[in-house]
Amino acid sequence: MIDSLVLWLINSGVMDPIEDFTDEIEGCMLTQEGRTKVLRAFIQRMEDTVQPEDPVKGAREEEIPRWAVINRQVQIYKQFVNDQIPVYLPFLIR
């Protein structure tokens, strides 16, 4: 999810390489304006809804926000680690 956000910010021209970044001794850093753009885009992206597919049934489910997808995957992974389910099936982005 983060990789697609970063690529979208770059490819769509939302981020300005001159105004949104600064060269520091530590490396290339976001300016305050750049951080604001990234955080706004991140929040918007996470509030957008997706229609996940049930990995077992293969059927589309009800649309949910990306936040909910992450929460659900954490719960599924937790069940897998605790031997409550035999296989962890990741969320696939299509």
PDB file of N, CA and C in Angstrom:
ATOM      1  N   MET A   1       0.819  -1.196   0.000  1.00  0.00           N
ATOM      2  CA  MET A   1       0.000   0.000   0.000  1.00  0.00           C
ATOM      3  C   MET A   1       0.862   1.259   0.000  1.00  0.00           C
ATOM      4  N   ILE A   2       1.937   1.208   0.751  1.00  0.00           N
ATOM      5  CA  ILE A   2       2.818   2.375   0.823  1.00  0.00           C
ATOM      6  C   ILE A   2       3.559   2.560  -0.491  1.00  0.00           C
ATOM      7  N   ASP A   3       4.044   1.464  -1.065  1.00  0.00           N
ATOM      8  CA  ASP A   3       4.764   1.566  -2.336  1.00  0.00           C
ATOM      9  C   ASP A   3       3.887   2.191  -3.417  1.00  0.00           C
ATOM     10  N   SER A   4       2.632   1.761  -3.488  1.00  0.00           N
ATOM     11  CA  SER A   4       1.750   2.314  -4.518  1.00  0.00           C
ATOM     12  C   SER A   4       1.462   3.785  -4.254  1.00  0.00           C
ATOM     13  N   LEU A   5       1.383   4.176  -2.986  1.00  0.00           N
ATOM     14  CA  LEU A   5       1.169   5.591  -2.648  1.00  0.00           C
ATOM     15  C   LEU A   5       2.361   6.429  -3.090  1.00  0.00           C
ATOM     16  N   VAL A   6       3.554   5.964  -2.770  1.00  0.00           N
ATOM     17  CA  VAL A   6       4.764   6.715  -3.136  1.00  0.00           C
ATOM     18  C   VAL A   6       4.884   6.842  -4.657  1.00  0.00           C
ATOM     19  N   LEU A   7       4.645   5.746  -5.353  1.00  0.00           N
ATOM     20  CA  LEU A   7       4.704   5.798  -6.822  1.00  0.00           C
ATOM     21  C   LEU A   7       3.664   6.756  -7.384  1.00  0.00           C
ATOM     22  N   TRP A   8       2.461   6.746  -6.819  1.00  0.00           N
ATOM     23  CA  TRP A   8       1.422   7.665  -7.282  1.00  0.00           C
ATOM     24  C   TRP A   8       1.829   9.116  -7.021  1.00  0.00           C
ATOM     25  N   LEU A   9       2.377   9.403  -5.845  1.00  0.00           N
ATOM     26  CA  LEU A   9       2.807  10.768  -5.515  1.00  0.00           C
ATOM     27  C   LEU A   9       3.862  11.263  -6.497  1.00  0.00           C
ATOM     28  N   ILE A  10       4.765  10.396  -6.878  1.00  0.00           N
ATOM     29  CA  ILE A  10       5.841  10.770  -7.804  1.00  0.00           C
ATOM     30  C   ILE A  10       5.313  10.883  -9.231  1.00  0.00           C
ATOM     31  N   ASN A  11       4.623   9.847  -9.696  1.00  0.00           N
ATOM     32  CA  ASN A  11       4.171   9.810 -11.094  1.00  0.00           C
ATOM     33  C   ASN A  11       3.099  10.851 -11.408  1.00  0.00           C
ATOM     34  N   SER A  12       2.296  11.217 -10.423  1.00  0.00           N
ATOM     35  CA  SER A  12       1.226  12.188 -10.675  1.00  0.00           C
ATOM     36  C   SER A  12       1.708  13.630 -10.543  1.00  0.00           C
ATOM     37  N   GLY A  13       2.942  13.813 -10.072  1.00  0.00           N
ATOM     38  CA  GLY A  13       3.475  15.164  -9.935  1.00  0.00           C
ATOM     39  C   GLY A  13       3.014  15.879  -8.679  1.00  0.00           C
ATOM     40  N   VAL A  14       2.426  15.156  -7.737  1.00  0.00           N
ATOM     41  CA  VAL A  14       1.984  15.779  -6.483  1.00  0.00           C
ATOM     42  C   VAL A  14       3.196  16.296  -5.705  1.00  0.00           C
ATOM     43  N   MET A  15       4.252  15.502  -5.697  1.00  0.00           N
ATOM     44  CA  MET A  15       5.465  15.903  -4.983  1.00  0.00           C
ATOM     45  C   MET A  15       6.361  16.717  -5.906  1.00  0.00           C
ATOM     46  N   ASP A  16       6.840  17.840  -5.403  1.00  0.00           N
ATOM     47  CA  ASP A  16       7.754  18.704  -6.139  1.00  0.00           C
ATOM     48  C   ASP A  16       9.163  18.464  -5.602  1.00  0.00           C
ATOM     49  N   PRO A  17      10.090  17.995  -6.444  1.00  0.00           N
ATOM     50  CA  PRO A  17      11.428  17.657  -5.943  1.00  0.00           C
ATOM     51  C   PRO A  17      12.190  18.853  -5.373  1.00  0.00           C
ATOM     52  N   ILE A  18      11.849  20.051  -5.779  1.00  0.00           N
ATOM     53  CA  ILE A  18      12.536  21.251  -5.254  1.00  0.00           C
ATOM     54  C   ILE A  18      11.902  21.727  -3.954  1.00  0.00           C
ATOM     55  N   GLU A  19      10.569  21.836  -3.930  1.00  0.00           N
ATOM     56  CA  GLU A  19       9.873  22.395  -2.768  1.00  0.00           C
ATOM     57  C   GLU A  19       9.655  21.384  -1.639  1.00  0.00           C
ATOM     58  N   ASP A  20       9.541  20.107  -1.985  1.00  0.00           N
ATOM     59  CA  ASP A  20       9.141  19.121  -0.986  1.00  0.00           C
ATOM     60  C   ASP A  20      10.300  18.347  -0.370  1.00  0.00           C
ATOM     61  N   PHE A  21      11.511  18.557  -0.868  1.00  0.00           N
ATOM     62  CA  PHE A  21      12.680  17.852  -0.337  1.00  0.00           C
ATOM     63  C   PHE A  21      13.804  18.836  -0.081  1.00  0.00           C
ATOM     64  N   THR A  22      14.664  18.487   0.865  1.00  0.00           N
ATOM     65  CA  THR A  22      15.834  19.291   1.159  1.00  0.00           C
ATOM     66  C   THR A  22      17.026  18.360   1.385  1.00  0.00           C
ATOM     67  N   ASP A  23      18.199  18.800   0.959  1.00  0.00           N
ATOM     68  CA  ASP A  23      19.417  18.014   1.173  1.00  0.00           C
ATOM     69  C   ASP A  23      20.013  18.392   2.521  1.00  0.00           C
ATOM     70  N   GLU A  24      20.187  17.398   3.366  1.00  0.00           N
ATOM     71  CA  GLU A  24      20.773  17.579   4.690  1.00  0.00           C
ATOM     72  C   GLU A  24      21.976  16.661   4.809  1.00  0.00           C
ATOM     73  N   ILE A  25      22.757  16.836   5.840  1.00  0.00           N
ATOM     74  CA  ILE A  25      23.901  15.961   6.085  1.00  0.00           C
ATOM     75  C   ILE A  25      23.433  14.511   6.214  1.00  0.00           C
ATOM     76  N   GLU A  26      22.263  14.317   6.835  1.00  0.00           N
ATOM     77  CA  GLU A  26      21.725  12.971   7.050  1.00  0.00           C
ATOM     78  C   GLU A  26      21.189  12.347   5.764  1.00  0.00           C
ATOM     79  N   GLY A  27      20.967  13.162   4.740  1.00  0.00           N
ATOM     80  CA  GLY A  27      20.430  12.664   3.476  1.00  0.00           C
ATOM     81  C   GLY A  27      19.319  13.560   2.955  1.00  0.00           C
ATOM     82  N   CYS A  28      18.590  13.045   2.014  1.00  0.00           N
ATOM     83  CA  CYS A  28      17.476  13.783   1.420  1.00  0.00           C
ATOM     84  C   CYS A  28      16.277  13.678   2.365  1.00  0.00           C
ATOM     85  N   MET A  29      15.742  14.809   2.788  1.00  0.00           N
ATOM     86  CA  MET A  29      14.661  14.835   3.772  1.00  0.00           C
ATOM     87  C   MET A  29      13.440  15.560   3.204  1.00  0.00           C
ATOM     88  N   LEU A  30      12.273  15.189   3.707  1.00  0.00           N
ATOM     89  CA  LEU A  30      11.052  15.897   3.346  1.00  0.00           C
ATOM     90  C   LEU A  30      10.998  17.233   4.079  1.00  0.00           C
ATOM     91  N   THR A  31      10.538  18.256   3.395  1.00  0.00           N
ATOM     92  CA  THR A  31      10.269  19.525   4.056  1.00  0.00           C
ATOM     93  C   THR A  31       8.938  19.391   4.795  1.00  0.00           C
ATOM     94  N   GLN A  32       8.580  20.403   5.571  1.00  0.00           N
ATOM     95  CA  GLN A  32       7.288  20.369   6.268  1.00  0.00           C
ATOM     96  C   GLN A  32       6.151  20.259   5.254  1.00  0.00           C
ATOM     97  N   GLU A  33       6.238  21.006   4.164  1.00  0.00           N
ATOM     98  CA  GLU A  33       5.216  20.942   3.115  1.00  0.00           C
ATOM     99  C   GLU A  33       5.164  19.540   2.494  1.00  0.00           C
ATOM    100  N   GLY A  34       6.316  18.945   2.280  1.00  0.00           N
ATOM    101  CA  GLY A  34       6.375  17.594   1.733  1.00  0.00           C
ATOM    102  C   GLY A  34       5.751  16.573   2.671  1.00  0.00           C
ATOM    103  N   ARG A  35       6.050  16.686   3.974  1.00  0.00           N
ATOM    104  CA  ARG A  35       5.459  15.776   4.962  1.00  0.00           C
ATOM    105  C   ARG A  35       3.941  15.921   4.988  1.00  0.00           C
ATOM    106  N   THR A  36       3.476  17.153   4.904  1.00  0.00           N
ATOM    107  CA  THR A  36       2.028  17.395   4.898  1.00  0.00           C
ATOM    108  C   THR A  36       1.375  16.729   3.700  1.00  0.00           C
ATOM    109  N   LYS A  37       1.995  16.850   2.524  1.00  0.00           N
ATOM    110  CA  LYS A  37       1.442  16.218   1.319  1.00  0.00           C
ATOM    111  C   LYS A  37       1.396  14.698   1.457  1.00  0.00           C
ATOM    112  N   VAL A  38       2.476  14.106   1.968  1.00  0.00           N
ATOM    113  CA  VAL A  38       2.533  12.657   2.114  1.00  0.00           C
ATOM    114  C   VAL A  38       1.487  12.174   3.117  1.00  0.00           C
ATOM    115  N   LEU A  39       1.392  12.840   4.254  1.00  0.00           N
ATOM    116  CA  LEU A  39       0.434  12.404   5.272  1.00  0.00           C
ATOM    117  C   LEU A  39      -1.010  12.569   4.815  1.00  0.00           C
ATOM    118  N   ARG A  40      -1.319  13.664   4.136  1.00  0.00           N
ATOM    119  CA  ARG A  40      -2.683  13.845   3.613  1.00  0.00           C
ATOM    120  C   ARG A  40      -3.024  12.757   2.604  1.00  0.00           C
ATOM    121  N   ALA A  41      -2.099  12.482   1.715  1.00  0.00           N
ATOM    122  CA  ALA A  41      -2.335  11.447   0.703  1.00  0.00           C
ATOM    123  C   ALA A  41      -2.461  10.071   1.357  1.00  0.00           C
ATOM    124  N   PHE A  42      -1.643   9.810   2.376  1.00  0.00           N
ATOM    125  CA  PHE A  42      -1.700   8.532   3.074  1.00  0.00           C
ATOM    126  C   PHE A  42      -3.058   8.337   3.750  1.00  0.00           C
ATOM    127  N   ILE A  43      -3.512   9.345   4.465  1.00  0.00           N
ATOM    128  CA  ILE A  43      -4.808   9.247   5.149  1.00  0.00           C
ATOM    129  C   ILE A  43      -5.925   9.041   4.139  1.00  0.00           C
ATOM    130  N   GLN A  44      -5.896   9.786   3.047  1.00  0.00           N
ATOM    131  CA  GLN A  44      -6.924   9.627   2.021  1.00  0.00           C
ATOM    132  C   GLN A  44      -6.893   8.225   1.426  1.00  0.00           C
ATOM    133  N   ARG A  45      -5.698   7.730   1.128  1.00  0.00           N
ATOM    134  CA  ARG A  45      -5.558   6.397   0.549  1.00  0.00           C
ATOM    135  C   ARG A  45      -6.077   5.328   1.510  1.00  0.00           C
ATOM    136  N   MET A  46      -5.799   5.481   2.798  1.00  0.00           N
ATOM    137  CA  MET A  46      -6.230   4.486   3.775  1.00  0.00           C
ATOM    138  C   MET A  46      -7.737   4.539   4.027  1.00  0.00           C
ATOM    139  N   GLU A  47      -8.358   5.683   3.783  1.00  0.00           N
ATOM    140  CA  GLU A  47      -9.808   5.799   3.952  1.00  0.00           C
ATOM    141  C   GLU A  47     -10.563   5.331   2.707  1.00  0.00           C
ATOM    142  N   ASP A  48      -9.887   5.270   1.562  1.00  0.00           N
ATOM    143  CA  ASP A  48     -10.517   4.741   0.352  1.00  0.00           C
ATOM    144  C   ASP A  48     -10.916   3.289   0.599  1.00  0.00           C
ATOM    145  N   THR A  49     -11.980   2.873  -0.062  1.00  0.00           N
ATOM    146  CA  THR A  49     -12.440   1.509   0.141  1.00  0.00           C
ATOM    147  C   THR A  49     -11.926   0.589  -0.960  1.00  0.00           C
ATOM    148  N   VAL A  50     -11.783  -0.664  -0.597  1.00  0.00           N
ATOM    149  CA  VAL A  50     -11.407  -1.725  -1.529  1.00  0.00           C
ATOM    150  C   VAL A  50     -12.411  -2.853  -1.355  1.00  0.00           C
ATOM    151  N   GLN A  51     -12.513  -3.679  -2.354  1.00  0.00           N
ATOM    152  CA  GLN A  51     -13.411  -4.826  -2.279  1.00  0.00           C
ATOM    153  C   GLN A  51     -12.565  -6.095  -2.246  1.00  0.00           C
ATOM    154  N   PRO A  52     -12.272  -6.573  -1.032  1.00  0.00           N
ATOM    155  CA  PRO A  52     -11.416  -7.750  -0.931  1.00  0.00           C
ATOM    156  C   PRO A  52     -12.109  -9.013  -1.422  1.00  0.00           C
ATOM    157  N   GLU A  53     -11.290  -9.986  -1.710  1.00  0.00           N
ATOM    158  CA  GLU A  53     -11.788 -11.286  -2.135  1.00  0.00           C
ATOM    159  C   GLU A  53     -11.537 -12.272  -0.999  1.00  0.00           C
ATOM    160  N   ASP A  54     -12.549 -13.049  -0.663  1.00  0.00           N
ATOM    161  CA  ASP A  54     -12.384 -14.085   0.353  1.00  0.00           C
ATOM    162  C   ASP A  54     -11.386 -15.105  -0.193  1.00  0.00           C
ATOM    163  N   PRO A  55     -10.215 -15.270   0.475  1.00  0.00           N
ATOM    164  CA  PRO A  55      -9.184 -16.158  -0.074  1.00  0.00           C
ATOM    165  C   PRO A  55      -9.604 -17.618  -0.117  1.00  0.00           C
ATOM    166  N   VAL A  56     -10.525 -18.020   0.731  1.00  0.00           N
ATOM    167  CA  VAL A  56     -10.966 -19.415   0.758  1.00  0.00           C
ATOM    168  C   VAL A  56     -12.067 -19.656  -0.277  1.00  0.00           C
ATOM    169  N   LYS A  57     -13.072 -18.787  -0.277  1.00  0.00           N
ATOM    170  CA  LYS A  57     -14.216 -18.957  -1.173  1.00  0.00           C
ATOM    171  C   LYS A  57     -13.972 -18.383  -2.567  1.00  0.00           C
ATOM    172  N   GLY A  58     -13.056 -17.415  -2.658  1.00  0.00           N
ATOM    173  CA  GLY A  58     -12.785 -16.789  -3.945  1.00  0.00           C
ATOM    174  C   GLY A  58     -13.843 -15.787  -4.373  1.00  0.00           C
ATOM    175  N   ALA A  59     -14.776 -15.476  -3.489  1.00  0.00           N
ATOM    176  CA  ALA A  59     -15.854 -14.541  -3.808  1.00  0.00           C
ATOM    177  C   ALA A  59     -15.513 -13.144  -3.300  1.00  0.00           C
ATOM    178  N   ARG A  60     -16.005 -12.146  -4.018  1.00  0.00           N
ATOM    179  CA  ARG A  60     -15.812 -10.756  -3.586  1.00  0.00           C
ATOM    180  C   ARG A  60     -16.629 -10.484  -2.329  1.00  0.00           C
ATOM    181  N   GLU A  61     -16.048  -9.685  -1.440  1.00  0.00           N
ATOM    182  CA  GLU A  61     -16.718  -9.310  -0.204  1.00  0.00           C
ATOM    183  C   GLU A  61     -17.209  -7.864  -0.299  1.00  0.00           C
ATOM    184  N   GLU A  62     -17.814  -7.399   0.763  1.00  0.00           N
ATOM    185  CA  GLU A  62     -18.286  -6.017   0.856  1.00  0.00           C
ATOM    186  C   GLU A  62     -17.091  -5.065   0.880  1.00  0.00           C
ATOM    187  N   GLU A  63     -17.263  -3.870   0.310  1.00  0.00           N
ATOM    188  CA  GLU A  63     -16.171  -2.889   0.316  1.00  0.00           C
ATOM    189  C   GLU A  63     -15.876  -2.439   1.739  1.00  0.00           C
ATOM    190  N   ILE A  64     -14.567  -2.311   2.032  1.00  0.00           N
ATOM    191  CA  ILE A  64     -14.119  -1.850   3.344  1.00  0.00           C
ATOM    192  C   ILE A  64     -12.934  -0.899   3.155  1.00  0.00           C
ATOM    193  N   PRO A  65     -12.687   0.008   4.123  1.00  0.00           N
ATOM    194  CA  PRO A  65     -11.521   0.885   4.018  1.00  0.00           C
ATOM    195  C   PRO A  65     -10.223   0.086   4.134  1.00  0.00           C
ATOM    196  N   ARG A  66      -9.175   0.630   3.563  1.00  0.00           N
ATOM    197  CA  ARG A  66      -7.875  -0.049   3.643  1.00  0.00           C
ATOM    198  C   ARG A  66      -7.425  -0.247   5.088  1.00  0.00           C
ATOM    199  N   TRP A  67      -7.788   0.695   5.995  1.00  0.00           N
ATOM    200  CA  TRP A  67      -7.456   0.522   7.416  1.00  0.00           C
ATOM    201  C   TRP A  67      -7.983  -0.821   7.893  1.00  0.00           C
ATOM    202  N   ALA A  68      -9.217  -1.134   7.512  1.00  0.00           N
ATOM    203  CA  ALA A  68      -9.850  -2.377   7.953  1.00  0.00           C
ATOM    204  C   ALA A  68      -9.142  -3.599   7.369  1.00  0.00           C
ATOM    205  N   VAL A  69      -8.634  -3.464   6.156  1.00  0.00           N
ATOM    206  CA  VAL A  69      -7.893  -4.580   5.545  1.00  0.00           C
ATOM    207  C   VAL A  69      -6.662  -4.904   6.384  1.00  0.00           C
ATOM    208  N   ILE A  70      -5.940  -3.875   6.783  1.00  0.00           N
ATOM    209  CA  ILE A  70      -4.735  -4.090   7.596  1.00  0.00           C
ATOM    210  C   ILE A  70      -5.108  -4.730   8.929  1.00  0.00           C
ATOM    211  N   ASN A  71      -6.135  -4.207   9.582  1.00  0.00           N
ATOM    212  CA  ASN A  71      -6.564  -4.777  10.864  1.00  0.00           C
ATOM    213  C   ASN A  71      -6.967  -6.238  10.710  1.00  0.00           C
ATOM    214  N   ARG A  72      -7.687  -6.535   9.653  1.00  0.00           N
ATOM    215  CA  ARG A  72      -8.132  -7.910   9.422  1.00  0.00           C
ATOM    216  C   ARG A  72      -6.926  -8.831   9.174  1.00  0.00           C
ATOM    217  N   GLN A  73      -5.962  -8.377   8.375  1.00  0.00           N
ATOM    218  CA  GLN A  73      -4.793  -9.207   8.089  1.00  0.00           C
ATOM    219  C   GLN A  73      -3.956  -9.446   9.343  1.00  0.00           C
ATOM    220  N   VAL A  74      -3.879  -8.466  10.219  1.00  0.00           N
ATOM    221  CA  VAL A  74      -3.159  -8.656  11.483  1.00  0.00           C
ATOM    222  C   VAL A  74      -3.832  -9.751  12.305  1.00  0.00           C
ATOM    223  N   GLN A  75      -5.164  -9.730  12.353  1.00  0.00           N
ATOM    224  CA  GLN A  75      -5.893 -10.754  13.106  1.00  0.00           C
ATOM    225  C   GLN A  75      -5.698 -12.144  12.488  1.00  0.00           C
ATOM    226  N   ILE A  76      -5.734 -12.215  11.169  1.00  0.00           N
ATOM    227  CA  ILE A  76      -5.525 -13.499  10.491  1.00  0.00           C
ATOM    228  C   ILE A  76      -4.112 -14.017  10.753  1.00  0.00           C
ATOM    229  N   TYR A  77      -3.126 -13.134  10.666  1.00  0.00           N
ATOM    230  CA  TYR A  77      -1.744 -13.543  10.921  1.00  0.00           C
ATOM    231  C   TYR A  77      -1.576 -14.011  12.369  1.00  0.00           C
ATOM    232  N   LYS A  78      -2.204 -13.290  13.286  1.00  0.00           N
ATOM    233  CA  LYS A  78      -2.151 -13.672  14.700  1.00  0.00           C
ATOM    234  C   LYS A  78      -2.731 -15.073  14.898  1.00  0.00           C
ATOM    235  N   GLN A  79      -3.836 -15.378  14.236  1.00  0.00           N
ATOM    236  CA  GLN A  79      -4.425 -16.714  14.324  1.00  0.00           C
ATOM    237  C   GLN A  79      -3.466 -17.771  13.774  1.00  0.00           C
ATOM    238  N   PHE A  80      -2.802 -17.438  12.683  1.00  0.00           N
ATOM    239  CA  PHE A  80      -1.841 -18.366  12.086  1.00  0.00           C
ATOM    240  C   PHE A  80      -0.670 -18.636  13.042  1.00  0.00           C
ATOM    241  N   VAL A  81      -0.108 -17.577  13.611  1.00  0.00           N
ATOM    242  CA  VAL A  81       1.031 -17.722  14.523  1.00  0.00           C
ATOM    243  C   VAL A  81       0.642 -18.542  15.749  1.00  0.00           C
ATOM    244  N   ASN A  82      -0.588 -18.379  16.202  1.00  0.00           N
ATOM    245  CA  ASN A  82      -1.061 -19.110  17.387  1.00  0.00           C
ATOM    246  C   ASN A  82      -1.644 -20.481  17.038  1.00  0.00           C
ATOM    247  N   ASP A  83      -1.375 -20.963  15.825  1.00  0.00           N
ATOM    248  CA  ASP A  83      -1.835 -22.280  15.366  1.00  0.00           C
ATOM    249  C   ASP A  83      -3.354 -22.448  15.416  1.00  0.00           C
ATOM    250  N   GLN A  84      -4.088 -21.358  15.240  1.00  0.00           N
ATOM    251  CA  GLN A  84      -5.548 -21.442  15.197  1.00  0.00           C
ATOM    252  C   GLN A  84      -6.047 -21.698  13.779  1.00  0.00           C
ATOM    253  N   ILE A  85      -5.211 -21.368  12.790  1.00  0.00           N
ATOM    254  CA  ILE A  85      -5.509 -21.678  11.395  1.00  0.00           C
ATOM    255  C   ILE A  85      -4.253 -22.272  10.771  1.00  0.00           C
ATOM    256  N   PRO A  86      -4.399 -23.187   9.802  1.00  0.00           N
ATOM    257  CA  PRO A  86      -3.223 -23.895   9.276  1.00  0.00           C
ATOM    258  C   PRO A  86      -2.367 -23.090   8.299  1.00  0.00           C
ATOM    259  N   VAL A  87      -2.959 -22.117   7.602  1.00  0.00           N
ATOM    260  CA  VAL A  87      -2.238 -21.383   6.553  1.00  0.00           C
ATOM    261  C   VAL A  87      -2.591 -19.901   6.637  1.00  0.00           C
ATOM    262  N   TYR A  88      -1.579 -19.060   6.460  1.00  0.00           N
ATOM    263  CA  TYR A  88      -1.824 -17.616   6.366  1.00  0.00           C
ATOM    264  C   TYR A  88      -1.992 -17.264   4.898  1.00  0.00           C
ATOM    265  N   LEU A  89      -3.119 -16.677   4.555  1.00  0.00           N
ATOM    266  CA  LEU A  89      -3.363 -16.232   3.196  1.00  0.00           C
ATOM    267  C   LEU A  89      -3.332 -14.709   3.157  1.00  0.00           C
ATOM    268  N   PRO A  90      -2.364 -14.121   2.450  1.00  0.00           N
ATOM    269  CA  PRO A  90      -2.232 -12.663   2.416  1.00  0.00           C
ATOM    270  C   PRO A  90      -3.324 -12.003   1.592  1.00  0.00           C
ATOM    271  N   PHE A  91      -3.516 -10.714   1.848  1.00  0.00           N
ATOM    272  CA  PHE A  91      -4.424  -9.903   1.042  1.00  0.00           C
ATOM    273  C   PHE A  91      -3.721  -9.620  -0.281  1.00  0.00           C
ATOM    274  N   LEU A  92      -4.382  -9.918  -1.367  1.00  0.00           N
ATOM    275  CA  LEU A  92      -3.797  -9.690  -2.698  1.00  0.00           C
ATOM    276  C   LEU A  92      -4.369  -8.427  -3.317  1.00  0.00           C
ATOM    277  N   ILE A  93      -3.499  -7.582  -3.788  1.00  0.00           N
ATOM    278  CA  ILE A  93      -3.924  -6.367  -4.481  1.00  0.00           C
ATOM    279  C   ILE A  93      -3.978  -6.682  -5.962  1.00  0.00           C
ATOM    280  N   ARG A  94      -5.120  -6.479  -6.568  1.00  0.00           N
ATOM    281  CA  ARG A  94      -5.284  -6.776  -7.993  1.00  0.00           C
ATOM    282  C   ARG A  94      -5.554  -5.524  -8.760  1.00  0.00           C
TER     283      ARG A  94
END
